[in-house]
């Protein structure tokens, strides 16, 4: 496991990207729901 630190960094970046995408998706979905009403 010589690439342990690199894998951890990649996993951390991946989690950050996923969190941002989910956050934007939620806000976008709420915005669409409010505009429909």
PDB file of N, CA and C in Angstrom:
ATOM      1  N   UNK A   1       0.842  -1.205   0.000  1.00  0.00           N
ATOM      2  CA  UNK A   1       0.000   0.000   0.000  1.00  0.00           C
ATOM      3  C   UNK A   1       0.872   1.248   0.000  1.00  0.00           C
ATOM      4  N   UNK A   2       1.708   1.385  -1.017  1.00  0.00           N
ATOM      5  CA  UNK A   2       2.569   2.566  -1.090  1.00  0.00           C
ATOM      6  C   UNK A   2       1.785   3.802  -1.543  1.00  0.00           C
ATOM      7  N   UNK A   3       0.618   3.584  -2.147  1.00  0.00           N
ATOM      8  CA  UNK A   3      -0.192   4.724  -2.611  1.00  0.00           C
ATOM      9  C   UNK A   3      -1.341   5.015  -1.641  1.00  0.00           C
ATOM     10  N   UNK A   4      -1.116   4.724  -0.369  1.00  0.00           N
ATOM     11  CA  UNK A   4      -2.172   4.938   0.625  1.00  0.00           C
ATOM     12  C   UNK A   4      -2.555   6.403   0.754  1.00  0.00           C
ATOM     13  N   UNK A   5      -1.534   7.286   0.852  1.00  0.00           N
ATOM     14  CA  UNK A   5      -1.827   8.717   1.012  1.00  0.00           C
ATOM     15  C   UNK A   5      -2.505   9.268  -0.237  1.00  0.00           C
ATOM     16  N   UNK A   6      -2.027   8.852  -1.402  1.00  0.00           N
ATOM     17  CA  UNK A   6      -2.623   9.336  -2.651  1.00  0.00           C
ATOM     18  C   UNK A   6      -4.075   8.882  -2.751  1.00  0.00           C
ATOM     19  N   UNK A   7      -4.326   7.623  -2.378  1.00  0.00           N
ATOM     20  CA  UNK A   7      -5.692   7.103  -2.448  1.00  0.00           C
ATOM     21  C   UNK A   7      -6.594   7.864  -1.478  1.00  0.00           C
ATOM     22  N   UNK A   8      -6.063   8.181  -0.296  1.00  0.00           N
ATOM     23  CA  UNK A   8      -6.857   8.933   0.684  1.00  0.00           C
ATOM     24  C   UNK A   8      -7.178  10.317   0.139  1.00  0.00           C
ATOM     25  N   UNK A   9      -6.194  10.952  -0.504  1.00  0.00           N
ATOM     26  CA  UNK A   9      -6.412  12.295  -1.059  1.00  0.00           C
ATOM     27  C   UNK A   9      -7.459  12.249  -2.162  1.00  0.00           C
ATOM     28  N   UNK A  10      -7.342  11.248  -3.038  1.00  0.00           N
ATOM     29  CA  UNK A  10      -8.310  11.115  -4.133  1.00  0.00           C
ATOM     30  C   UNK A  10      -9.705  10.864  -3.573  1.00  0.00           C
ATOM     31  N   UNK A  11      -9.783   9.998  -2.554  1.00  0.00           N
ATOM     32  CA  UNK A  11     -11.085   9.698  -1.952  1.00  0.00           C
ATOM     33  C   UNK A  11     -11.672  10.950  -1.305  1.00  0.00           C
ATOM     34  N   UNK A  12     -10.824  11.746  -0.644  1.00  0.00           N
ATOM     35  CA  UNK A  12     -11.286  12.981   0.000  1.00  0.00           C
ATOM     36  C   UNK A  12     -11.807  13.959  -1.051  1.00  0.00           C
ATOM     37  N   UNK A  13     -11.051  14.117  -2.154  1.00  0.00           N
ATOM     38  CA  UNK A  13     -11.491  15.007  -3.231  1.00  0.00           C
ATOM     39  C   UNK A  13     -12.804  14.511  -3.817  1.00  0.00           C
ATOM     40  N   UNK A  14     -12.903  13.193  -4.017  1.00  0.00           N
ATOM     41  CA  UNK A  14     -14.124  12.612  -4.575  1.00  0.00           C
ATOM     42  C   UNK A  14     -15.313  12.886  -3.663  1.00  0.00           C
ATOM     43  N   UNK A  15     -15.103  12.732  -2.337  1.00  0.00           N
ATOM     44  CA  UNK A  15     -16.186  12.997  -1.382  1.00  0.00           C
ATOM     45  C   UNK A  15     -16.587  14.466  -1.417  1.00  0.00           C
ATOM     46  N   UNK A  16     -15.611  15.357  -1.510  1.00  0.00           N
ATOM     47  CA  UNK A  16     -15.908  16.796  -1.575  1.00  0.00           C
ATOM     48  C   UNK A  16     -16.729  17.109  -2.820  1.00  0.00           C
ATOM     49  N   UNK A  17     -16.324  16.551  -3.957  1.00  0.00           N
ATOM     50  CA  UNK A  17     -17.061  16.793  -5.201  1.00  0.00           C
ATOM     51  C   UNK A  17     -18.484  16.253  -5.086  1.00  0.00           C
ATOM     52  N   UNK A  18     -18.625  15.055  -4.527  1.00  0.00           N
ATOM     53  CA  UNK A  18     -19.958  14.463  -4.361  1.00  0.00           C
ATOM     54  C   UNK A  18     -20.819  15.331  -3.452  1.00  0.00           C
ATOM     55  N   UNK A  19     -20.244  15.843  -2.372  1.00  0.00           N
ATOM     56  CA  UNK A  19     -20.991  16.681  -1.437  1.00  0.00           C
ATOM     57  C   UNK A  19     -21.462  17.955  -2.127  1.00  0.00           C
ATOM     58  N   UNK A  20     -20.582  18.580  -2.911  1.00  0.00           N
ATOM     59  CA  UNK A  20     -20.948  19.814  -3.616  1.00  0.00           C
ATOM     60  C   UNK A  20     -22.050  19.535  -4.629  1.00  0.00           C
ATOM     61  N   UNK A  21     -21.906  18.434  -5.377  1.00  0.00           N
ATOM     62  CA  UNK A  21     -22.923  18.089  -6.381  1.00  0.00           C
ATOM     63  C   UNK A  21     -24.273  17.841  -5.714  1.00  0.00           C
ATOM     64  N   UNK A  22     -24.272  17.094  -4.600  1.00  0.00           N
ATOM     65  CA  UNK A  22     -25.525  16.826  -3.885  1.00  0.00           C
ATOM     66  C   UNK A  22     -26.132  18.124  -3.369  1.00  0.00           C
ATOM     67  N   UNK A  23     -25.302  19.011  -2.827  1.00  0.00           N
ATOM     68  CA  UNK A  23     -25.769  20.291  -2.290  1.00  0.00           C
ATOM     69  C   UNK A  23     -26.433  21.124  -3.388  1.00  0.00           C
ATOM     70  N   UNK A  24     -25.738  21.243  -4.539  1.00  0.00           N
ATOM     71  CA  UNK A  24     -26.286  22.018  -5.662  1.00  0.00           C
ATOM     72  C   UNK A  24     -27.569  21.369  -6.173  1.00  0.00           C
ATOM     73  N   UNK A  25     -27.571  20.027  -6.249  1.00  0.00           N
ATOM     74  CA  UNK A  25     -28.749  19.301  -6.724  1.00  0.00           C
ATOM     75  C   UNK A  25     -29.953  19.561  -5.817  1.00  0.00           C
ATOM     76  N   UNK A  26     -29.721  19.540  -4.498  1.00  0.00           N
ATOM     77  CA  UNK A  26     -30.809  19.797  -3.545  1.00  0.00           C
ATOM     78  C   UNK A  26     -31.340  21.217  -3.694  1.00  0.00           C
ATOM     79  N   UNK A  27     -30.437  22.203  -3.743  1.00  0.00           N
ATOM     80  CA  UNK A  27     -30.862  23.603  -3.867  1.00  0.00           C
ATOM     81  C   UNK A  27     -31.605  23.812  -5.182  1.00  0.00           C
ATOM     82  N   UNK A  28     -31.082  23.209  -6.270  1.00  0.00           N
ATOM     83  CA  UNK A  28     -31.710  23.329  -7.578  1.00  0.00           C
ATOM     84  C   UNK A  28     -33.106  22.705  -7.548  1.00  0.00           C
ATOM     85  N   UNK A  29     -33.219  21.526  -6.936  1.00  0.00           N
ATOM     86  CA  UNK A  29     -34.516  20.848  -6.848  1.00  0.00           C
ATOM     87  C   UNK A  29     -35.511  21.658  -6.036  1.00  0.00           C
ATOM     88  N   UNK A  30     -35.081  22.214  -4.899  1.00  0.00           N
ATOM     89  CA  UNK A  30     -35.975  23.041  -4.076  1.00  0.00           C
ATOM     90  C   UNK A  30     -36.394  24.277  -4.863  1.00  0.00           C
ATOM     91  N   UNK A  31     -35.458  24.885  -5.586  1.00  0.00           N
ATOM     92  CA  UNK A  31     -35.761  26.070  -6.387  1.00  0.00           C
ATOM     93  C   UNK A  31     -36.820  25.742  -7.436  1.00  0.00           C
ATOM     94  N   UNK A  32     -36.684  24.591  -8.103  1.00  0.00           N
ATOM     95  CA  UNK A  32     -37.659  24.186  -9.121  1.00  0.00           C
ATOM     96  C   UNK A  32     -39.014  23.930  -8.466  1.00  0.00           C
ATOM     97  N   UNK A  33     -39.010  23.254  -7.307  1.00  0.00           N
ATOM     98  CA  UNK A  33     -40.274  22.983  -6.610  1.00  0.00           C
ATOM     99  C   UNK A  33     -40.976  24.284  -6.239  1.00  0.00           C
ATOM    100  N   UNK A  34     -40.224  25.259  -5.751  1.00  0.00           N
ATOM    101  CA  UNK A  34     -40.832  26.533  -5.358  1.00  0.00           C
ATOM    102  C   UNK A  34     -41.354  27.286  -6.580  1.00  0.00           C
ATOM    103  N   UNK A  35     -40.633  27.213  -7.707  1.00  0.00           N
ATOM    104  CA  UNK A  35     -41.074  27.939  -8.906  1.00  0.00           C
ATOM    105  C   UNK A  35     -42.316  27.288  -9.505  1.00  0.00           C
ATOM    106  N   UNK A  36     -42.510  25.972  -9.264  1.00  0.00           N
ATOM    107  CA  UNK A  36     -43.693  25.283  -9.795  1.00  0.00           C
ATOM    108  C   UNK A  36     -44.944  25.737  -9.044  1.00  0.00           C
ATOM    109  N   UNK A  37     -44.804  25.984  -7.736  1.00  0.00           N
ATOM    110  CA  UNK A  37     -45.971  26.348  -6.925  1.00  0.00           C
ATOM    111  C   UNK A  37     -46.556  27.699  -7.283  1.00  0.00           C
TER     112      UNK A  37
END
